[in-house]
Amino acid sequence: MMYRGVFWSSSEVGAARFRGTMFLYDTVCDNHIVWGAKVIAEISIRHTGEARREFSQAMATITDRIGESAAKDEQRILQAKRWELAPTKEKLISLVFGKQLGLTRTECEQAYALADRYSEDHGDNPRSAWGYAAGVTRLSQGAYMDQRDRLDRAAGRILDICF
C-alpha cells in the first residue's frame, strides 16, 4: 500500500527557493522518517514579488491532486513494475550507470543487491523500474542526509525512464 505525501521547504530570509515535493511512500516511523518514498512531482519557486501568487497556485494544484482518485497512481506503479530496464543484472547496472543519474557504479551495484534481496518480500522484479528504484531508495535509507536526497532523486529519475 502506498500513501501520498507532500513536503514544503523554504527560507525565512529568502536565501533559498521555496520547494514543494509530492511523493508516494510506504510508511513513516516514529522518528518522522518517510520510508519507501517515490517522488512524483516537484515545484521550485524563487522568492520574488510573484512568489505569493505562484505559491497559492501551487497549493491549489497540490490540494486538487491529493483529492484525486488513486487509479492514475496505481496505473503508474503497475507500469513501472512491468517495465524491465534490462534483461540481466550486469546490463541493468551498466544502463543505469550510463544514464548519469548521479549514482556511482558501486551504488548501482549496492542498489541492485538490495532490490534483489527484497524482491521476494514484495513480489517485485529487481530489474524493473519499480524494483530497482526501490533498491536505490533502500540504499538511501542507510546514507547520511546529504546523500539521501541525491539517492532518492536518482530513484525518481529511474522511474521517469518508463513514463
Protein backbone atom coordinates (compact mmCIF):
# COMPACT_ATOMS: atom_id res chain seq x y z
CA MET A 1 0.00 0.00 0.00
CA MET A 2 1.28 3.48 -0.86
CA TYR A 3 0.24 6.81 0.63
CA ARG A 4 0.51 10.31 -0.80
CA GLY A 5 2.66 12.90 0.87
CA VAL A 6 3.90 16.46 0.38
CA PHE A 7 6.98 18.24 1.73
CA TRP A 8 7.36 22.01 1.60
CA SER A 9 10.60 23.83 2.39
CA SER A 10 11.57 27.47 2.38
CA SER A 11 13.98 30.00 3.85
CA GLU A 12 12.68 32.64 6.24
CA VAL A 13 15.16 35.15 4.84
CA GLY A 14 14.84 34.31 1.14
CA ALA A 15 18.22 32.56 0.95
CA ALA A 16 16.75 29.51 -0.80
CA ARG A 17 13.94 28.70 -3.18
CA PHE A 18 10.54 27.69 -1.95
CA ARG A 19 10.24 23.99 -2.84
CA GLY A 20 7.41 21.50 -2.84
CA THR A 21 7.77 17.77 -3.41
CA MET A 22 4.82 15.42 -3.84
CA PHE A 23 5.55 11.72 -3.39
CA LEU A 24 4.20 8.27 -2.71
CA TYR A 25 5.50 6.43 0.36
CA ASP A 26 5.19 3.19 2.32
CA THR A 27 5.38 4.28 5.97
CA VAL A 28 6.53 6.95 8.40
CA CYS A 29 8.35 5.75 11.51
CA ASP A 30 8.29 7.26 14.99
CA ASN A 31 11.39 9.31 14.09
CA HIS A 32 9.34 11.02 11.34
CA ILE A 33 11.39 9.38 8.60
CA VAL A 34 9.47 8.69 5.39
CA TRP A 35 10.28 5.18 4.11
CA GLY A 36 9.91 3.92 0.56
CA ALA A 37 9.33 7.36 -0.96
CA LYS A 38 8.95 7.73 -4.72
CA VAL A 39 8.92 11.35 -5.95
CA ILE A 40 6.17 12.04 -8.47
CA ALA A 41 6.18 15.83 -8.72
CA GLU A 42 8.33 18.78 -7.67
CA ILE A 43 7.96 22.53 -7.77
CA SER A 44 10.54 25.24 -7.11
CA ILE A 45 9.62 28.92 -6.73
CA ARG A 46 12.09 31.82 -6.48
CA HIS A 47 11.49 34.32 -3.69
CA THR A 48 10.32 37.24 -5.85
CA GLY A 49 7.33 39.54 -5.97
CA GLU A 50 5.31 36.83 -7.75
CA ALA A 51 6.17 34.12 -5.23
CA ARG A 52 2.97 34.56 -3.20
CA ARG A 53 0.76 34.13 -6.28
CA GLU A 54 2.82 31.16 -7.52
CA PHE A 55 2.65 29.59 -4.07
CA SER A 56 -1.15 29.96 -3.99
CA GLN A 57 -1.43 28.34 -7.41
CA ALA A 58 0.90 25.51 -6.39
CA MET A 59 -1.08 24.86 -3.19
CA ALA A 60 -4.35 24.75 -5.16
CA THR A 61 -2.85 22.28 -7.66
CA ILE A 62 -1.42 20.07 -4.91
CA THR A 63 -4.69 20.16 -2.97
CA ASP A 64 -6.59 19.09 -6.09
CA ARG A 65 -4.04 16.35 -6.79
CA ILE A 66 -4.23 14.94 -3.26
CA GLY A 67 -8.01 14.66 -3.57
CA GLU A 68 -7.87 12.72 -6.86
CA SER A 69 -8.57 9.05 -7.23
CA ALA A 70 -5.58 6.76 -6.73
CA ALA A 71 -6.30 4.98 -10.05
CA LYS A 72 -3.77 7.08 -12.00
CA ASP A 73 -1.03 6.42 -9.43
CA GLU A 74 -1.89 2.72 -9.38
CA GLN A 75 -1.52 2.57 -13.17
CA ARG A 76 1.87 4.31 -12.99
CA ILE A 77 3.05 1.83 -10.36
CA LEU A 78 1.87 -1.14 -12.43
CA GLN A 79 3.62 0.28 -15.48
CA ALA A 80 6.85 0.74 -13.50
CA LYS A 81 6.59 -2.82 -12.16
CA ARG A 82 6.19 -4.20 -15.69
CA TRP A 83 8.90 -2.05 -17.31
CA GLU A 84 12.06 -4.13 -17.26
CA LEU A 85 15.09 -1.87 -17.57
CA ALA A 86 17.41 -4.66 -18.75
CA PRO A 87 17.36 -8.47 -19.06
CA THR A 88 20.34 -9.07 -16.74
CA LYS A 89 21.86 -7.57 -13.61
CA GLU A 90 25.05 -6.57 -15.46
CA LYS A 91 23.18 -4.82 -18.28
CA LEU A 92 20.92 -3.01 -15.80
CA ILE A 93 23.87 -1.71 -13.80
CA SER A 94 25.63 -0.55 -16.98
CA LEU A 95 22.43 1.10 -18.24
CA VAL A 96 21.70 2.97 -15.01
CA PHE A 97 25.33 4.00 -14.51
CA GLY A 98 25.50 5.12 -18.15
CA LYS A 99 22.40 7.33 -17.81
CA GLN A 100 24.38 9.57 -15.43
CA LEU A 101 21.65 9.78 -12.82
CA GLY A 102 24.12 10.74 -10.12
CA LEU A 103 24.87 7.19 -8.98
CA THR A 104 28.33 5.68 -8.75
CA ARG A 105 28.85 2.20 -10.16
CA THR A 106 29.23 0.90 -6.59
CA GLU A 107 25.90 2.48 -5.62
CA CYS A 108 24.29 0.94 -8.71
CA GLU A 109 25.54 -2.48 -7.63
CA GLN A 110 24.51 -1.98 -3.99
CA ALA A 111 21.04 -0.83 -5.06
CA TYR A 112 20.62 -3.92 -7.22
CA ALA A 113 21.66 -6.17 -4.32
CA LEU A 114 19.03 -4.50 -2.10
CA ALA A 115 16.38 -4.70 -4.82
CA ASP A 116 17.15 -8.38 -5.30
CA ARG A 117 17.13 -9.11 -1.55
CA TYR A 118 13.71 -7.53 -1.00
CA SER A 119 12.15 -8.64 -4.30
CA GLU A 120 10.78 -11.84 -2.78
CA ASP A 121 9.03 -10.00 0.05
CA HIS A 122 7.25 -7.62 -2.32
CA GLY A 123 6.98 -9.69 -5.49
CA ASP A 124 8.96 -7.13 -7.49
CA ASN A 125 11.40 -7.85 -10.28
CA PRO A 126 14.73 -6.21 -9.26
CA ARG A 127 15.33 -5.37 -12.94
CA SER A 128 12.03 -3.49 -13.27
CA ALA A 129 11.96 0.29 -12.92
CA TRP A 130 9.89 -0.09 -9.72
CA GLY A 131 12.02 -2.84 -8.19
CA TYR A 132 15.34 -1.14 -8.93
CA ALA A 133 14.09 2.30 -7.78
CA ALA A 134 13.05 0.62 -4.53
CA GLY A 135 16.61 -0.70 -4.21
CA VAL A 136 18.02 2.81 -4.65
CA THR A 137 15.54 4.11 -2.07
CA ARG A 138 16.57 1.37 0.39
CA LEU A 139 20.21 2.30 -0.23
CA SER A 140 19.40 5.92 0.63
CA GLN A 141 17.94 4.90 3.96
CA GLY A 142 21.38 3.87 5.19
CA ALA A 143 23.09 7.05 3.98
CA TYR A 144 23.69 10.42 5.61
CA MET A 145 21.17 13.14 4.83
CA ASP A 146 23.25 14.88 2.16
CA GLN A 147 23.47 11.61 0.24
CA ARG A 148 19.86 10.54 0.90
CA ASP A 149 18.44 13.40 -1.12
CA ARG A 150 20.74 12.66 -4.07
CA LEU A 151 19.91 8.94 -3.99
CA ASP A 152 16.15 9.49 -3.62
CA ARG A 153 16.17 11.88 -6.56
CA ALA A 154 18.06 9.30 -8.63
CA ALA A 155 15.36 6.73 -7.73
CA GLY A 156 12.74 9.18 -9.04
CA ARG A 157 14.66 9.62 -12.30
CA ILE A 158 14.81 5.84 -12.71
CA LEU A 159 11.01 5.75 -12.50
CA ASP A 160 10.84 8.58 -15.06
CA ILE A 161 12.53 6.27 -17.60
CA CYS A 162 9.32 4.27 -18.02
CA PHE A 163 6.85 7.20 -18.07
